[in-house]
mmCIF file of all heavy atoms, coordinates in Angstrom:
data_MODEL
# 
_entry.id   MODEL 
# 
loop_
_atom_site.group_PDB 
_atom_site.id 
_atom_site.type_symbol 
_atom_site.label_atom_id 
_atom_site.label_alt_id 
_atom_site.label_comp_id 
_atom_site.label_asym_id 
_atom_site.label_entity_id 
_atom_site.label_seq_id 
_atom_site.pdbx_PDB_ins_code 
_atom_site.Cartn_x 
_atom_site.Cartn_y 
_atom_site.Cartn_z 
_atom_site.occupancy 
_atom_site.B_iso_or_equiv 
_atom_site.pdbx_formal_charge 
_atom_site.auth_seq_id 
_atom_site.auth_comp_id 
_atom_site.auth_asym_id 
_atom_site.auth_atom_id 
_atom_site.pdbx_PDB_model_num 
ATOM 1   N N   . LYS A 1 1  ? 8.108   12.892  2.438  1.00 0.00 ? 1  LYS A N   1 
ATOM 2   C CA  . LYS A 1 1  ? 9.265   13.637  2.931  1.00 0.00 ? 1  LYS A CA  1 
ATOM 3   C C   . LYS A 1 1  ? 9.856   14.504  1.827  1.00 0.00 ? 1  LYS A C   1 
ATOM 4   O O   . LYS A 1 1  ? 10.271  15.624  2.058  1.00 0.00 ? 1  LYS A O   1 
ATOM 5   C CB  . LYS A 1 1  ? 10.313  12.670  3.471  1.00 0.00 ? 1  LYS A CB  1 
ATOM 6   C CG  . LYS A 1 1  ? 11.508  13.345  4.068  1.00 0.00 ? 1  LYS A CG  1 
ATOM 7   C CD  . LYS A 1 1  ? 12.466  12.348  4.657  1.00 0.00 ? 1  LYS A CD  1 
ATOM 8   C CE  . LYS A 1 1  ? 13.696  13.063  5.185  1.00 0.00 ? 1  LYS A CE  1 
ATOM 9   N NZ  . LYS A 1 1  ? 14.693  12.164  5.686  1.00 0.00 ? 1  LYS A NZ  1 
ATOM 10  N N   . GLU A 1 2  ? 9.887   13.961  0.624  1.00 0.00 ? 2  GLU A N   1 
ATOM 11  C CA  . GLU A 1 2  ? 10.411  14.711  -0.520 1.00 0.00 ? 2  GLU A CA  1 
ATOM 12  C C   . GLU A 1 2  ? 9.390   14.665  -1.643 1.00 0.00 ? 2  GLU A C   1 
ATOM 13  O O   . GLU A 1 2  ? 8.836   13.618  -1.943 1.00 0.00 ? 2  GLU A O   1 
ATOM 14  C CB  . GLU A 1 2  ? 11.717  14.094  -1.003 1.00 0.00 ? 2  GLU A CB  1 
ATOM 15  C CG  . GLU A 1 2  ? 12.833  14.173  0.004  1.00 0.00 ? 2  GLU A CG  1 
ATOM 16  C CD  . GLU A 1 2  ? 14.117  13.552  -0.490 1.00 0.00 ? 2  GLU A CD  1 
ATOM 17  O OE1 . GLU A 1 2  ? 14.196  13.154  -1.668 1.00 0.00 ? 2  GLU A OE1 1 
ATOM 18  O OE2 . GLU A 1 2  ? 15.045  13.471  0.320  1.00 0.00 ? 2  GLU A OE2 1 
ATOM 19  N N   . GLY A 1 3  ? 9.140   15.798  -2.260 1.00 0.00 ? 3  GLY A N   1 
ATOM 20  C CA  . GLY A 1 3  ? 8.298   15.797  -3.450 1.00 0.00 ? 3  GLY A CA  1 
ATOM 21  C C   . GLY A 1 3  ? 6.834   16.069  -3.182 1.00 0.00 ? 3  GLY A C   1 
ATOM 22  O O   . GLY A 1 3  ? 6.448   16.578  -2.139 1.00 0.00 ? 3  GLY A O   1 
ATOM 23  N N   . THR A 1 4  ? 6.045   15.700  -4.161 1.00 0.00 ? 4  THR A N   1 
ATOM 24  C CA  . THR A 1 4  ? 4.614   15.960  -4.133 1.00 0.00 ? 4  THR A CA  1 
ATOM 25  C C   . THR A 1 4  ? 3.851   14.703  -3.741 1.00 0.00 ? 4  THR A C   1 
ATOM 26  O O   . THR A 1 4  ? 4.402   13.605  -3.761 1.00 0.00 ? 4  THR A O   1 
ATOM 27  C CB  . THR A 1 4  ? 4.150   16.431  -5.528 1.00 0.00 ? 4  THR A CB  1 
ATOM 28  O OG1 . THR A 1 4  ? 4.482   15.407  -6.467 1.00 0.00 ? 4  THR A OG1 1 
ATOM 29  C CG2 . THR A 1 4  ? 4.818   17.725  -5.928 1.00 0.00 ? 4  THR A CG2 1 
ATOM 30  N N   . PRO A 1 5  ? 2.564   14.834  -3.398 1.00 0.00 ? 5  PRO A N   1 
ATOM 31  C CA  . PRO A 1 5  ? 1.775   13.646  -3.064 1.00 0.00 ? 5  PRO A CA  1 
ATOM 32  C C   . PRO A 1 5  ? 1.912   12.583  -4.140 1.00 0.00 ? 5  PRO A C   1 
ATOM 33  O O   . PRO A 1 5  ? 2.055   12.883  -5.324 1.00 0.00 ? 5  PRO A O   1 
ATOM 34  C CB  . PRO A 1 5  ? 0.345   14.184  -2.992 1.00 0.00 ? 5  PRO A CB  1 
ATOM 35  C CG  . PRO A 1 5  ? 0.518   15.625  -2.634 1.00 0.00 ? 5  PRO A CG  1 
ATOM 36  C CD  . PRO A 1 5  ? 1.787   16.053  -3.329 1.00 0.00 ? 5  PRO A CD  1 
ATOM 37  N N   . GLU A 1 6  ? 1.866   11.340  -3.702 1.00 0.00 ? 6  GLU A N   1 
ATOM 38  C CA  . GLU A 1 6  ? 2.205   10.260  -4.604 1.00 0.00 ? 6  GLU A CA  1 
ATOM 39  C C   . GLU A 1 6  ? 1.289   9.052   -4.401 1.00 0.00 ? 6  GLU A C   1 
ATOM 40  O O   . GLU A 1 6  ? 1.057   8.628   -3.274 1.00 0.00 ? 6  GLU A O   1 
ATOM 41  C CB  . GLU A 1 6  ? 3.653   9.868   -4.333 1.00 0.00 ? 6  GLU A CB  1 
ATOM 42  C CG  . GLU A 1 6  ? 4.206   8.832   -5.223 1.00 0.00 ? 6  GLU A CG  1 
ATOM 43  C CD  . GLU A 1 6  ? 5.698   8.613   -4.962 1.00 0.00 ? 6  GLU A CD  1 
ATOM 44  O OE1 . GLU A 1 6  ? 6.309   9.293   -4.131 1.00 0.00 ? 6  GLU A OE1 1 
ATOM 45  O OE2 . GLU A 1 6  ? 6.236   7.719   -5.629 1.00 0.00 ? 6  GLU A OE2 1 
ATOM 46  N N   . ALA A 1 7  ? 0.778   8.509   -5.506 1.00 0.00 ? 7  ALA A N   1 
ATOM 47  C CA  . ALA A 1 7  ? 0.035   7.247   -5.475 1.00 0.00 ? 7  ALA A CA  1 
ATOM 48  C C   . ALA A 1 7  ? 1.041   6.144   -5.774 1.00 0.00 ? 7  ALA A C   1 
ATOM 49  O O   . ALA A 1 7  ? 1.718   6.166   -6.789 1.00 0.00 ? 7  ALA A O   1 
ATOM 50  C CB  . ALA A 1 7  ? -1.078  7.250   -6.510 1.00 0.00 ? 7  ALA A CB  1 
ATOM 51  N N   . VAL A 1 8  ? 1.143   5.207   -4.860 1.00 0.00 ? 8  VAL A N   1 
ATOM 52  C CA  . VAL A 1 8  ? 2.139   4.147   -4.960 1.00 0.00 ? 8  VAL A CA  1 
ATOM 53  C C   . VAL A 1 8  ? 1.441   2.824   -5.263 1.00 0.00 ? 8  VAL A C   1 
ATOM 54  O O   . VAL A 1 8  ? 0.540   2.407   -4.519 1.00 0.00 ? 8  VAL A O   1 
ATOM 55  C CB  . VAL A 1 8  ? 2.922   4.025   -3.637 1.00 0.00 ? 8  VAL A CB  1 
ATOM 56  C CG1 . VAL A 1 8  ? 3.960   2.939   -3.729 1.00 0.00 ? 8  VAL A CG1 1 
ATOM 57  C CG2 . VAL A 1 8  ? 3.530   5.359   -3.266 1.00 0.00 ? 8  VAL A CG2 1 
ATOM 58  N N   . PRO A 1 9  ? 1.825   2.147   -6.351 1.00 0.00 ? 9  PRO A N   1 
ATOM 59  C CA  . PRO A 1 9  ? 1.187   0.861   -6.657 1.00 0.00 ? 9  PRO A CA  1 
ATOM 60  C C   . PRO A 1 9  ? 1.605   -0.213  -5.658 1.00 0.00 ? 9  PRO A C   1 
ATOM 61  O O   . PRO A 1 9  ? 2.736   -0.229  -5.180 1.00 0.00 ? 9  PRO A O   1 
ATOM 62  C CB  . PRO A 1 9  ? 1.703   0.524   -8.063 1.00 0.00 ? 9  PRO A CB  1 
ATOM 63  C CG  . PRO A 1 9  ? 2.924   1.340   -8.240 1.00 0.00 ? 9  PRO A CG  1 
ATOM 64  C CD  . PRO A 1 9  ? 2.814   2.536   -7.344 1.00 0.00 ? 9  PRO A CD  1 
ATOM 65  N N   . LEU A 1 10 ? 0.668   -1.089  -5.337 1.00 0.00 ? 10 LEU A N   1 
ATOM 66  C CA  . LEU A 1 10 ? 0.937   -2.221  -4.458 1.00 0.00 ? 10 LEU A CA  1 
ATOM 67  C C   . LEU A 1 10 ? 1.064   -3.478  -5.303 1.00 0.00 ? 10 LEU A C   1 
ATOM 68  O O   . LEU A 1 10 ? 0.204   -3.755  -6.133 1.00 0.00 ? 10 LEU A O   1 
ATOM 69  C CB  . LEU A 1 10 ? -0.197  -2.411  -3.448 1.00 0.00 ? 10 LEU A CB  1 
ATOM 70  C CG  . LEU A 1 10 ? -0.480  -1.262  -2.494 1.00 0.00 ? 10 LEU A CG  1 
ATOM 71  C CD1 . LEU A 1 10 ? -1.719  -1.565  -1.654 1.00 0.00 ? 10 LEU A CD1 1 
ATOM 72  C CD2 . LEU A 1 10 ? 0.721   -0.981  -1.603 1.00 0.00 ? 10 LEU A CD2 1 
ATOM 73  N N   . SER A 1 11 ? 2.123   -4.222  -5.090 1.00 0.00 ? 11 SER A N   1 
ATOM 74  C CA  . SER A 1 11 ? 2.272   -5.508  -5.779 1.00 0.00 ? 11 SER A CA  1 
ATOM 75  C C   . SER A 1 11 ? 1.182   -6.457  -5.277 1.00 0.00 ? 11 SER A C   1 
ATOM 76  O O   . SER A 1 11 ? 0.579   -6.209  -4.223 1.00 0.00 ? 11 SER A O   1 
ATOM 77  C CB  . SER A 1 11 ? 3.654   -6.096  -5.489 1.00 0.00 ? 11 SER A CB  1 
ATOM 78  O OG  . SER A 1 11 ? 3.738   -6.496  -4.126 1.00 0.00 ? 11 SER A OG  1 
ATOM 79  N N   . PRO A 1 12 ? 0.903   -7.526  -5.994 1.00 0.00 ? 12 PRO A N   1 
ATOM 80  C CA  . PRO A 1 12 ? -0.102  -8.480  -5.517 1.00 0.00 ? 12 PRO A CA  1 
ATOM 81  C C   . PRO A 1 12 ? 0.202   -9.000  -4.109 1.00 0.00 ? 12 PRO A C   1 
ATOM 82  O O   . PRO A 1 12 ? -0.703  -9.109  -3.274 1.00 0.00 ? 12 PRO A O   1 
ATOM 83  C CB  . PRO A 1 12 ? -0.062  -9.599  -6.553 1.00 0.00 ? 12 PRO A CB  1 
ATOM 84  C CG  . PRO A 1 12 ? 0.378   -8.907  -7.814 1.00 0.00 ? 12 PRO A CG  1 
ATOM 85  C CD  . PRO A 1 12 ? 1.370   -7.860  -7.345 1.00 0.00 ? 12 PRO A CD  1 
ATOM 86  N N   . ASN A 1 13 ? 1.473   -9.285  -3.826 1.00 0.00 ? 13 ASN A N   1 
ATOM 87  C CA  . ASN A 1 13 ? 1.843   -9.764  -2.492 1.00 0.00 ? 13 ASN A CA  1 
ATOM 88  C C   . ASN A 1 13 ? 1.602   -8.681  -1.443 1.00 0.00 ? 13 ASN A C   1 
ATOM 89  O O   . ASN A 1 13 ? 1.048   -8.944  -0.376 1.00 0.00 ? 13 ASN A O   1 
ATOM 90  C CB  . ASN A 1 13 ? 3.302   -10.218 -2.473 1.00 0.00 ? 13 ASN A CB  1 
ATOM 91  C CG  . ASN A 1 13 ? 3.696   -10.845 -1.157 1.00 0.00 ? 13 ASN A CG  1 
ATOM 92  O OD1 . ASN A 1 13 ? 2.935   -11.593 -0.553 1.00 0.00 ? 13 ASN A OD1 1 
ATOM 93  N ND2 . ASN A 1 13 ? 4.892   -10.543 -0.710 1.00 0.00 ? 13 ASN A ND2 1 
ATOM 94  N N   . ALA A 1 14 ? 2.014   -7.449  -1.746 1.00 0.00 ? 14 ALA A N   1 
ATOM 95  C CA  . ALA A 1 14 ? 1.813   -6.335  -0.814 1.00 0.00 ? 14 ALA A CA  1 
ATOM 96  C C   . ALA A 1 14 ? 0.327   -6.091  -0.591 1.00 0.00 ? 14 ALA A C   1 
ATOM 97  O O   . ALA A 1 14 ? -0.107  -5.864  0.544  1.00 0.00 ? 14 ALA A O   1 
ATOM 98  C CB  . ALA A 1 14 ? 2.492   -5.077  -1.335 1.00 0.00 ? 14 ALA A CB  1 
ATOM 99  N N   . ARG A 1 15 ? -0.453  -6.152  -1.640 1.00 0.00 ? 15 ARG A N   1 
ATOM 100 C CA  . ARG A 1 15 ? -1.902  -5.930  -1.524 1.00 0.00 ? 15 ARG A CA  1 
ATOM 101 C C   . ARG A 1 15 ? -2.531  -6.957  -0.585 1.00 0.00 ? 15 ARG A C   1 
ATOM 102 O O   . ARG A 1 15 ? -3.329  -6.614  0.283  1.00 0.00 ? 15 ARG A O   1 
ATOM 103 C CB  . ARG A 1 15 ? -2.552  -6.004  -2.897 1.00 0.00 ? 15 ARG A CB  1 
ATOM 104 C CG  . ARG A 1 15 ? -4.043  -5.752  -2.871 1.00 0.00 ? 15 ARG A CG  1 
ATOM 105 C CD  . ARG A 1 15 ? -4.598  -5.733  -4.303 1.00 0.00 ? 15 ARG A CD  1 
ATOM 106 N NE  . ARG A 1 15 ? -5.995  -5.454  -4.288 1.00 0.00 ? 15 ARG A NE  1 
ATOM 107 C CZ  . ARG A 1 15 ? -6.936  -6.352  -4.576 1.00 0.00 ? 15 ARG A CZ  1 
ATOM 108 N NH1 . ARG A 1 15 ? -6.602  -7.581  -4.921 1.00 0.00 ? 15 ARG A NH1 1 
ATOM 109 N NH2 . ARG A 1 15 ? -8.201  -6.018  -4.538 1.00 0.00 ? 15 ARG A NH2 1 
ATOM 110 N N   . MET A 1 16 ? -2.140  -8.226  -0.735 1.00 0.00 ? 16 MET A N   1 
ATOM 111 C CA  . MET A 1 16 ? -2.673  -9.278  0.120  1.00 0.00 ? 16 MET A CA  1 
ATOM 112 C C   . MET A 1 16 ? -2.278  -9.033  1.581  1.00 0.00 ? 16 MET A C   1 
ATOM 113 O O   . MET A 1 16 ? -3.095  -9.150  2.495  1.00 0.00 ? 16 MET A O   1 
ATOM 114 C CB  . MET A 1 16 ? -2.149  -10.631 -0.349 1.00 0.00 ? 16 MET A CB  1 
ATOM 115 C CG  . MET A 1 16 ? -2.603  -11.790 0.505  1.00 0.00 ? 16 MET A CG  1 
ATOM 116 S SD  . MET A 1 16 ? -1.766  -13.325 0.046  1.00 0.00 ? 16 MET A SD  1 
ATOM 117 C CE  . MET A 1 16 ? -0.078  -12.957 0.524  1.00 0.00 ? 16 MET A CE  1 
ATOM 118 N N   . MET A 1 17 ? -1.026  -8.658  1.796  1.00 0.00 ? 17 MET A N   1 
ATOM 119 C CA  . MET A 1 17 ? -0.551  -8.417  3.152  1.00 0.00 ? 17 MET A CA  1 
ATOM 120 C C   . MET A 1 17 ? -1.208  -7.186  3.761  1.00 0.00 ? 17 MET A C   1 
ATOM 121 O O   . MET A 1 17 ? -1.563  -7.182  4.944  1.00 0.00 ? 17 MET A O   1 
ATOM 122 C CB  . MET A 1 17 ? 0.971   -8.282  3.160  1.00 0.00 ? 17 MET A CB  1 
ATOM 123 C CG  . MET A 1 17 ? 1.684   -9.589  2.848  1.00 0.00 ? 17 MET A CG  1 
ATOM 124 S SD  . MET A 1 17 ? 3.489   -9.425  2.798  1.00 0.00 ? 17 MET A SD  1 
ATOM 125 C CE  . MET A 1 17 ? 3.848   -9.375  4.568  1.00 0.00 ? 17 MET A CE  1 
ATOM 126 N N   . VAL A 1 18 ? -1.382  -6.126  2.970  1.00 0.00 ? 18 VAL A N   1 
ATOM 127 C CA  . VAL A 1 18 ? -2.037  -4.917  3.467  1.00 0.00 ? 18 VAL A CA  1 
ATOM 128 C C   . VAL A 1 18 ? -3.489  -5.225  3.835  1.00 0.00 ? 18 VAL A C   1 
ATOM 129 O O   . VAL A 1 18 ? -3.978  -4.786  4.885  1.00 0.00 ? 18 VAL A O   1 
ATOM 130 C CB  . VAL A 1 18 ? -1.949  -3.769  2.440  1.00 0.00 ? 18 VAL A CB  1 
ATOM 131 C CG1 . VAL A 1 18 ? -2.883  -2.626  2.798  1.00 0.00 ? 18 VAL A CG1 1 
ATOM 132 C CG2 . VAL A 1 18 ? -0.519  -3.282  2.311  1.00 0.00 ? 18 VAL A CG2 1 
ATOM 133 N N   . ARG A 1 19 ? -4.170  -5.995  3.016  1.00 0.00 ? 19 ARG A N   1 
ATOM 134 C CA  . ARG A 1 19 ? -5.554  -6.369  3.316  1.00 0.00 ? 19 ARG A CA  1 
ATOM 135 C C   . ARG A 1 19 ? -5.617  -7.065  4.682  1.00 0.00 ? 19 ARG A C   1 
ATOM 136 O O   . ARG A 1 19 ? -6.482  -6.774  5.505  1.00 0.00 ? 19 ARG A O   1 
ATOM 137 C CB  . ARG A 1 19 ? -6.130  -7.273  2.234  1.00 0.00 ? 19 ARG A CB  1 
ATOM 138 C CG  . ARG A 1 19 ? -7.588  -7.666  2.487  1.00 0.00 ? 19 ARG A CG  1 
ATOM 139 C CD  . ARG A 1 19 ? -8.124  -8.628  1.439  1.00 0.00 ? 19 ARG A CD  1 
ATOM 140 N NE  . ARG A 1 19 ? -8.040  -8.145  0.091  1.00 0.00 ? 19 ARG A NE  1 
ATOM 141 C CZ  . ARG A 1 19 ? -8.912  -7.327  -0.497 1.00 0.00 ? 19 ARG A CZ  1 
ATOM 142 N NH1 . ARG A 1 19 ? -9.965  -6.912  0.164  1.00 0.00 ? 19 ARG A NH1 1 
ATOM 143 N NH2 . ARG A 1 19 ? -8.744  -6.959  -1.750 1.00 0.00 ? 19 ARG A NH2 1 
ATOM 144 N N   . PHE A 1 20 ? -4.687  -7.982  4.924  1.00 0.00 ? 20 PHE A N   1 
ATOM 145 C CA  . PHE A 1 20 ? -4.646  -8.695  6.190  1.00 0.00 ? 20 PHE A CA  1 
ATOM 146 C C   . PHE A 1 20 ? -4.344  -7.735  7.341  1.00 0.00 ? 20 PHE A C   1 
ATOM 147 O O   . PHE A 1 20 ? -4.940  -7.823  8.410  1.00 0.00 ? 20 PHE A O   1 
ATOM 148 C CB  . PHE A 1 20 ? -3.601  -9.825  6.130  1.00 0.00 ? 20 PHE A CB  1 
ATOM 149 C CG  . PHE A 1 20 ? -3.533  -10.645 7.376  1.00 0.00 ? 20 PHE A CG  1 
ATOM 150 C CD1 . PHE A 1 20 ? -4.462  -11.638 7.618  1.00 0.00 ? 20 PHE A CD1 1 
ATOM 151 C CD2 . PHE A 1 20 ? -2.531  -10.416 8.307  1.00 0.00 ? 20 PHE A CD2 1 
ATOM 152 C CE1 . PHE A 1 20 ? -4.406  -12.404 8.775  1.00 0.00 ? 20 PHE A CE1 1 
ATOM 153 C CE2 . PHE A 1 20 ? -2.453  -11.168 9.465  1.00 0.00 ? 20 PHE A CE2 1 
ATOM 154 C CZ  . PHE A 1 20 ? -3.399  -12.163 9.701  1.00 0.00 ? 20 PHE A CZ  1 
ATOM 155 N N   . ALA A 1 21 ? -3.400  -6.801  7.135  1.00 0.00 ? 21 ALA A N   1 
ATOM 156 C CA  . ALA A 1 21 ? -3.020  -5.847  8.179  1.00 0.00 ? 21 ALA A CA  1 
ATOM 157 C C   . ALA A 1 21 ? -4.178  -4.919  8.544  1.00 0.00 ? 21 ALA A C   1 
ATOM 158 O O   . ALA A 1 21 ? -4.370  -4.595  9.716  1.00 0.00 ? 21 ALA A O   1 
ATOM 159 C CB  . ALA A 1 21 ? -1.813  -5.025  7.734  1.00 0.00 ? 21 ALA A CB  1 
ATOM 160 N N   . ILE A 1 22 ? -4.936  -4.513  7.546  1.00 0.00 ? 22 ILE A N   1 
ATOM 161 C CA  . ILE A 1 22 ? -6.057  -3.601  7.794  1.00 0.00 ? 22 ILE A CA  1 
ATOM 162 C C   . ILE A 1 22 ? -7.179  -4.320  8.518  1.00 0.00 ? 22 ILE A C   1 
ATOM 163 O O   . ILE A 1 22 ? -7.806  -3.765  9.416  1.00 0.00 ? 22 ILE A O   1 
ATOM 164 C CB  . ILE A 1 22 ? -6.568  -2.983  6.475  1.00 0.00 ? 22 ILE A CB  1 
ATOM 165 C CG1 . ILE A 1 22 ? -5.532  -2.013  5.932  1.00 0.00 ? 22 ILE A CG1 1 
ATOM 166 C CG2 . ILE A 1 22 ? -7.912  -2.292  6.668  1.00 0.00 ? 22 ILE A CG2 1 
ATOM 167 C CD1 . ILE A 1 22 ? -5.867  -1.449  4.560  1.00 0.00 ? 22 ILE A CD1 1 
ATOM 168 N N   . ASP A 1 23 ? -7.440  -5.573  8.108  1.00 0.00 ? 23 ASP A N   1 
ATOM 169 C CA  . ASP A 1 23 ? -8.518  -6.373  8.683  1.00 0.00 ? 23 ASP A CA  1 
ATOM 170 C C   . ASP A 1 23 ? -9.823  -5.576  8.566  1.00 0.00 ? 23 ASP A C   1 
ATOM 171 O O   . ASP A 1 23 ? -10.210 -5.231  7.463  1.00 0.00 ? 23 ASP A O   1 
ATOM 172 C CB  . ASP A 1 23 ? -8.171  -6.766  10.115 1.00 0.00 ? 23 ASP A CB  1 
ATOM 173 C CG  . ASP A 1 23 ? -9.076  -7.848  10.666 1.00 0.00 ? 23 ASP A CG  1 
ATOM 174 O OD1 . ASP A 1 23 ? -9.627  -8.643  9.867  1.00 0.00 ? 23 ASP A OD1 1 
ATOM 175 O OD2 . ASP A 1 23 ? -9.232  -7.919  11.904 1.00 0.00 ? 23 ASP A OD2 1 
ATOM 176 N N   . HIS A 1 24 ? -10.460 -5.266  9.658  1.00 0.00 ? 24 HIS A N   1 
ATOM 177 C CA  . HIS A 1 24 ? -11.733 -4.531  9.617  1.00 0.00 ? 24 HIS A CA  1 
ATOM 178 C C   . HIS A 1 24 ? -11.582 -3.080  10.056 1.00 0.00 ? 24 HIS A C   1 
ATOM 179 O O   . HIS A 1 24 ? -12.578 -2.386  10.252 1.00 0.00 ? 24 HIS A O   1 
ATOM 180 C CB  . HIS A 1 24 ? -12.781 -5.226  10.492 1.00 0.00 ? 24 HIS A CB  1 
ATOM 181 C CG  . HIS A 1 24 ? -13.126 -6.601  10.024 1.00 0.00 ? 24 HIS A CG  1 
ATOM 182 N ND1 . HIS A 1 24 ? -13.551 -6.864  8.741  1.00 0.00 ? 24 HIS A ND1 1 
ATOM 183 C CD2 . HIS A 1 24 ? -13.083 -7.793  10.648 1.00 0.00 ? 24 HIS A CD2 1 
ATOM 184 C CE1 . HIS A 1 24 ? -13.770 -8.152  8.599  1.00 0.00 ? 24 HIS A CE1 1 
ATOM 185 N NE2 . HIS A 1 24 ? -13.488 -8.756  9.742  1.00 0.00 ? 24 HIS A NE2 1 
# 
């Protein structure tokens, strides 16, 4: 929404949850 494209780090907890959300 504001600014330029951005790479956002995922915390270990977020990474685990994102992996589960993505599934296959």
